[in-house]
Amino acid sequence: KTSTFSFDILQFGYRFNSNFKVYVAGGFDWTLIRLRDNITIQKNQPTLAYVNENIAFSKNRFSSSYVHIPLNFELRTKENNKGKRFYFILGPEISFLLNGKIKQISDERGKEKQYDNYHFQSVRYGGTFRLGYGGFGLFTKYYFNDMFNTTAQAGLKNMSFGVTFGLN
């Protein structure tokens, strides 16, 4: 299973009218990849490599952390009688790698965390699309470049979709 968590902490923009806004935001993005096998991804290797372990991990997670900067174009409908409206947001996004991480928990070793770039792309670029009503929405993100900077994983892209909650 893979999950993505993302949130913006800054937003600067200009509202042309009550229905159209352009803004740039800044925030963080985490991709959490749950590894089902008892393996350990190796640090500081020339390629993405792992070793099999004779340990039963209760948690074995491989993750990346990025700072993301989206440029969004927002279209909104007129407010209804409840003061809510539909919105559509579309735009490009660029992300910069903060780190890669392995988090493992086992009876033999306890909790372990290891940090490295693990060949994640240092810069990602892609696009996002959201649609919603009031404070609830659906989104999808797609990154055009590969997830990893290795030939063995060439063509492996990052796409996420899900729900958004917040004020609009």
C-alpha atoms as a PDB file:
ATOM      1  CA  LYS A   1       0.000   0.000   0.000  1.00  0.00           C
ATOM      2  CA  THR A   2       1.104   3.508  -0.733  1.00  0.00           C
ATOM      3  CA  SER A   3      -0.311   6.693   0.794  1.00  0.00           C
ATOM      4  CA  THR A   4       0.350  10.350   0.157  1.00  0.00           C
ATOM      5  CA  PHE A   5      -0.205  13.124   2.690  1.00  0.00           C
ATOM      6  CA  SER A   6       0.111  16.720   1.639  1.00  0.00           C
ATOM      7  CA  PHE A   7      -0.676  20.129   3.058  1.00  0.00           C
ATOM      8  CA  ASP A   8       0.037  23.752   2.232  1.00  0.00           C
ATOM      9  CA  ILE A   9       1.218  26.198   4.872  1.00  0.00           C
ATOM     10  CA  LEU A  10       1.568  29.323   2.706  1.00  0.00           C
ATOM     11  CA  GLN A  11      -0.556  30.776  -0.062  1.00  0.00           C
ATOM     12  CA  PHE A  12      -0.150  34.004  -2.029  1.00  0.00           C
ATOM     13  CA  GLY A  13      -2.481  34.938  -4.819  1.00  0.00           C
ATOM     14  CA  TYR A  14      -4.706  37.367  -6.567  1.00  0.00           C
ATOM     15  CA  ARG A  15      -8.480  37.092  -6.928  1.00  0.00           C
ATOM     16  CA  PHE A  16      -9.540  38.694 -10.199  1.00  0.00           C
ATOM     17  CA  ASN A  17     -13.218  38.403  -9.277  1.00  0.00           C
ATOM     18  CA  SER A  18     -15.417  36.218  -7.086  1.00  0.00           C
ATOM     19  CA  ASN A  19     -15.075  33.352  -9.573  1.00  0.00           C
ATOM     20  CA  PHE A  20     -11.377  33.338 -10.604  1.00  0.00           C
ATOM     21  CA  LYS A  21      -8.154  33.309  -8.595  1.00  0.00           C
ATOM     22  CA  VAL A  22      -4.492  32.566  -9.338  1.00  0.00           C
ATOM     23  CA  TYR A  23      -2.205  31.611  -6.462  1.00  0.00           C
ATOM     24  CA  VAL A  24       1.095  30.040  -5.590  1.00  0.00           C
ATOM     25  CA  ALA A  25       1.343  27.926  -2.456  1.00  0.00           C
ATOM     26  CA  GLY A  26       4.024  26.151  -0.460  1.00  0.00           C
ATOM     27  CA  GLY A  27       3.808  23.061   1.672  1.00  0.00           C
ATOM     28  CA  PHE A  28       4.941  19.531   2.351  1.00  0.00           C
ATOM     29  CA  ASP A  29       4.266  16.196   0.709  1.00  0.00           C
ATOM     30  CA  TRP A  30       4.960  12.714   2.106  1.00  0.00           C
ATOM     31  CA  THR A  31       4.716   9.474   0.136  1.00  0.00           C
ATOM     32  CA  LEU A  32       4.583   6.405   2.402  1.00  0.00           C
ATOM     33  CA  ILE A  33       5.259   3.025   0.784  1.00  0.00           C
ATOM     34  CA  ARG A  34       4.484   0.028   2.996  1.00  0.00           C
ATOM     35  CA  LEU A  35       6.833  -2.842   2.173  1.00  0.00           C
ATOM     36  CA  ARG A  36       5.125  -6.215   2.525  1.00  0.00           C
ATOM     37  CA  ASP A  37       8.345  -8.253   2.450  1.00  0.00           C
ATOM     38  CA  ASN A  38      10.943  -8.362   5.233  1.00  0.00           C
ATOM     39  CA  ILE A  39      13.598  -6.381   3.381  1.00  0.00           C
ATOM     40  CA  THR A  40      15.801  -3.404   4.141  1.00  0.00           C
ATOM     41  CA  ILE A  41      16.490  -0.839   1.415  1.00  0.00           C
ATOM     42  CA  GLN A  42      20.224  -0.086   1.521  1.00  0.00           C
ATOM     43  CA  LYS A  43      21.666   3.382   2.129  1.00  0.00           C
ATOM     44  CA  ASN A  44      24.446   5.018   0.102  1.00  0.00           C
ATOM     45  CA  GLN A  45      24.415   2.494  -2.743  1.00  0.00           C
ATOM     46  CA  PRO A  46      25.107   3.292  -6.412  1.00  0.00           C
ATOM     47  CA  THR A  47      21.679   1.822  -7.298  1.00  0.00           C
ATOM     48  CA  LEU A  48      18.466   1.200  -5.395  1.00  0.00           C
ATOM     49  CA  ALA A  49      19.242  -2.061  -3.581  1.00  0.00           C
ATOM     50  CA  TYR A  50      17.829  -4.108  -0.724  1.00  0.00           C
ATOM     51  CA  VAL A  51      18.687  -7.123   1.422  1.00  0.00           C
ATOM     52  CA  ASN A  52      16.338  -9.832   2.640  1.00  0.00           C
ATOM     53  CA  GLU A  53      16.067  -9.978   6.422  1.00  0.00           C
ATOM     54  CA  ASN A  54      15.391 -12.943   8.722  1.00  0.00           C
ATOM     55  CA  ILE A  55      13.280 -10.639  10.866  1.00  0.00           C
ATOM     56  CA  ALA A  56       9.496 -10.256  10.948  1.00  0.00           C
ATOM     57  CA  PHE A  57       8.887  -6.499  10.766  1.00  0.00           C
ATOM     58  CA  SER A  58       5.594  -5.324  12.240  1.00  0.00           C
ATOM     59  CA  LYS A  59       6.179  -2.075  10.315  1.00  0.00           C
ATOM     60  CA  ASN A  60       8.387  -1.714   7.262  1.00  0.00           C
ATOM     61  CA  ARG A  61       7.862   1.635   5.549  1.00  0.00           C
ATOM     62  CA  PHE A  62       9.838   3.355   2.794  1.00  0.00           C
ATOM     63  CA  SER A  63       9.015   7.055   2.377  1.00  0.00           C
ATOM     64  CA  SER A  64       9.945  10.335   0.763  1.00  0.00           C
ATOM     65  CA  SER A  65       9.438  13.914   1.970  1.00  0.00           C
ATOM     66  CA  TYR A  66       9.221  16.869  -0.386  1.00  0.00           C
ATOM     67  CA  VAL A  67       8.610  20.610  -0.234  1.00  0.00           C
ATOM     68  CA  HIS A  68       6.082  21.380  -2.965  1.00  0.00           C
ATOM     69  CA  ILE A  69       5.198  24.614  -4.719  1.00  0.00           C
ATOM     70  CA  PRO A  70       1.993  24.540  -6.795  1.00  0.00           C
ATOM     71  CA  LEU A  71       0.791  27.330  -9.069  1.00  0.00           C
ATOM     72  CA  ASN A  72      -2.999  27.031  -9.133  1.00  0.00           C
ATOM     73  CA  PHE A  73      -5.772  28.472 -11.244  1.00  0.00           C
ATOM     74  CA  GLU A  74      -9.076  28.347  -9.382  1.00  0.00           C
ATOM     75  CA  LEU A  75     -12.533  28.684 -10.908  1.00  0.00           C
ATOM     76  CA  ARG A  76     -15.589  28.877  -8.641  1.00  0.00           C
ATOM     77  CA  THR A  77     -19.302  28.929  -9.321  1.00  0.00           C
ATOM     78  CA  LYS A  78     -21.673  31.433  -7.778  1.00  0.00           C
ATOM     79  CA  GLU A  79     -22.637  30.802  -4.150  1.00  0.00           C
ATOM     80  CA  ASN A  80     -25.839  28.914  -3.557  1.00  0.00           C
ATOM     81  CA  ASN A  81     -28.404  29.881  -0.898  1.00  0.00           C
ATOM     82  CA  LYS A  82     -26.309  28.034   1.750  1.00  0.00           C
ATOM     83  CA  GLY A  83     -23.235  30.125   0.940  1.00  0.00           C
ATOM     84  CA  LYS A  84     -21.378  27.208  -0.663  1.00  0.00           C
ATOM     85  CA  ARG A  85     -20.084  26.788  -4.180  1.00  0.00           C
ATOM     86  CA  PHE A  86     -18.374  24.320  -6.492  1.00  0.00           C
ATOM     87  CA  TYR A  87     -14.717  24.884  -7.327  1.00  0.00           C
ATOM     88  CA  PHE A  88     -12.234  23.579  -9.884  1.00  0.00           C
ATOM     89  CA  ILE A  89      -8.480  23.986  -9.449  1.00  0.00           C
ATOM     90  CA  LEU A  90      -5.818  23.118 -12.007  1.00  0.00           C
ATOM     91  CA  GLY A  91      -2.108  23.859 -12.203  1.00  0.00           C
ATOM     92  CA  PRO A  92       1.537  22.801 -12.396  1.00  0.00           C
ATOM     93  CA  GLU A  93       3.595  21.837  -9.363  1.00  0.00           C
ATOM     94  CA  ILE A  94       7.295  21.484  -8.587  1.00  0.00           C
ATOM     95  CA  SER A  95       8.705  19.636  -5.569  1.00  0.00           C
ATOM     96  CA  PHE A  96      12.144  19.449  -3.948  1.00  0.00           C
ATOM     97  CA  LEU A  97      13.317  16.368  -2.024  1.00  0.00           C
ATOM     98  CA  LEU A  98      13.922  16.817   1.691  1.00  0.00           C
ATOM     99  CA  ASN A  99      14.819  13.178   2.420  1.00  0.00           C
ATOM    100  CA  GLY A 100      14.048   9.534   1.996  1.00  0.00           C
ATOM    101  CA  LYS A 101      13.454   7.360   5.037  1.00  0.00           C
ATOM    102  CA  ILE A 102      13.139   3.747   6.100  1.00  0.00           C
ATOM    103  CA  LYS A 103      11.154   3.098   9.283  1.00  0.00           C
ATOM    104  CA  GLN A 104      11.132  -0.434  10.643  1.00  0.00           C
ATOM    105  CA  ILE A 105       9.734  -1.944  13.829  1.00  0.00           C
ATOM    106  CA  SER A 106      10.554  -5.466  14.991  1.00  0.00           C
ATOM    107  CA  ASP A 107      10.832  -7.409  18.238  1.00  0.00           C
ATOM    108  CA  GLU A 108      14.532  -8.063  17.569  1.00  0.00           C
ATOM    109  CA  ARG A 109      15.633  -4.490  16.815  1.00  0.00           C
ATOM    110  CA  GLY A 110      12.851  -2.293  18.182  1.00  0.00           C
ATOM    111  CA  LYS A 111      12.151   0.909  16.240  1.00  0.00           C
ATOM    112  CA  GLU A 112      14.741   1.948  13.642  1.00  0.00           C
ATOM    113  CA  LYS A 113      14.847   4.911  11.270  1.00  0.00           C
ATOM    114  CA  GLN A 114      17.371   5.406   8.487  1.00  0.00           C
ATOM    115  CA  TYR A 115      17.656   8.510   6.288  1.00  0.00           C
ATOM    116  CA  ASP A 116      19.136   8.802   2.800  1.00  0.00           C
ATOM    117  CA  ASN A 117      17.972  10.097  -0.573  1.00  0.00           C
ATOM    118  CA  TYR A 118      17.447   6.450  -1.710  1.00  0.00           C
ATOM    119  CA  HIS A 119      17.639   7.652  -5.327  1.00  0.00           C
ATOM    120  CA  PHE A 120      14.325   9.530  -5.143  1.00  0.00           C
ATOM    121  CA  GLN A 121      14.252  12.331  -7.713  1.00  0.00           C
ATOM    122  CA  SER A 122      15.721  15.474  -6.171  1.00  0.00           C
ATOM    123  CA  VAL A 123      13.231  17.585  -8.171  1.00  0.00           C
ATOM    124  CA  ARG A 124       9.752  16.479  -9.282  1.00  0.00           C
ATOM    125  CA  TYR A 125       7.462  18.295 -11.673  1.00  0.00           C
ATOM    126  CA  GLY A 126       3.873  17.572 -12.500  1.00  0.00           C
ATOM    127  CA  GLY A 127       0.341  18.797 -12.298  1.00  0.00           C
ATOM    128  CA  THR A 128      -2.667  18.728 -10.031  1.00  0.00           C
ATOM    129  CA  PHE A 129      -6.425  18.849 -10.495  1.00  0.00           C
ATOM    130  CA  ARG A 130      -9.042  19.339  -7.780  1.00  0.00           C
ATOM    131  CA  LEU A 131     -12.778  19.681  -7.772  1.00  0.00           C
ATOM    132  CA  GLY A 132     -15.016  20.143  -4.815  1.00  0.00           C
ATOM    133  CA  TYR A 133     -17.932  21.665  -3.019  1.00  0.00           C
ATOM    134  CA  GLY A 134     -17.601  23.791   0.095  1.00  0.00           C
ATOM    135  CA  GLY A 135     -14.731  22.451   2.204  1.00  0.00           C
ATOM    136  CA  PHE A 136     -14.717  18.953   0.655  1.00  0.00           C
ATOM    137  CA  GLY A 137     -13.038  17.950  -2.591  1.00  0.00           C
ATOM    138  CA  LEU A 138     -11.377  15.293  -4.713  1.00  0.00           C
ATOM    139  CA  PHE A 139      -7.878  15.631  -6.149  1.00  0.00           C
ATOM    140  CA  THR A 140      -5.378  13.942  -8.396  1.00  0.00           C
ATOM    141  CA  LYS A 141      -1.662  14.655  -8.803  1.00  0.00           C
ATOM    142  CA  TYR A 142       0.636  13.281 -11.469  1.00  0.00           C
ATOM    143  CA  TYR A 143       4.386  13.796 -11.707  1.00  0.00           C
ATOM    144  CA  PHE A 144       5.827  13.707 -15.221  1.00  0.00           C
ATOM    145  CA  ASN A 145       9.351  12.635 -14.305  1.00  0.00           C
ATOM    146  CA  ASP A 146      10.273   9.232 -12.862  1.00  0.00           C
ATOM    147  CA  MET A 147       9.920   8.589  -9.132  1.00  0.00           C
ATOM    148  CA  PHE A 148      13.531   7.370  -8.836  1.00  0.00           C
ATOM    149  CA  ASN A 149      16.759   8.485 -10.478  1.00  0.00           C
ATOM    150  CA  THR A 150      17.841   4.969 -11.488  1.00  0.00           C
ATOM    151  CA  THR A 151      17.760   3.026 -14.758  1.00  0.00           C
ATOM    152  CA  ALA A 152      16.262  -0.090 -13.102  1.00  0.00           C
ATOM    153  CA  GLN A 153      13.196   1.911 -11.978  1.00  0.00           C
ATOM    154  CA  ALA A 154      12.940   3.994 -15.183  1.00  0.00           C
ATOM    155  CA  GLY A 155       9.325   4.643 -16.127  1.00  0.00           C
ATOM    156  CA  LEU A 156       7.992   4.314 -12.561  1.00  0.00           C
ATOM    157  CA  LYS A 157       5.848   7.433 -12.127  1.00  0.00           C
ATOM    158  CA  ASN A 158       4.152   8.930  -9.084  1.00  0.00           C
ATOM    159  CA  MET A 159       0.394   9.495  -9.237  1.00  0.00           C
ATOM    160  CA  SER A 160      -1.921  10.079  -6.303  1.00  0.00           C
ATOM    161  CA  PHE A 161      -5.594  10.760  -5.851  1.00  0.00           C
ATOM    162  CA  GLY A 162      -7.882  11.199  -2.911  1.00  0.00           C
ATOM    163  CA  VAL A 163      -9.946  13.608  -0.849  1.00  0.00           C
ATOM    164  CA  THR A 164      -9.256  17.086   0.456  1.00  0.00           C
ATOM    165  CA  PHE A 165     -10.650  18.775   3.525  1.00  0.00           C
ATOM    166  CA  GLY A 166     -10.362  22.435   4.330  1.00  0.00           C
ATOM    167  CA  LEU A 167     -11.705  25.884   3.932  1.00  0.00           C
ATOM    168  CA  ASN A 168     -12.412  27.264   0.527  1.00  0.00           C
END
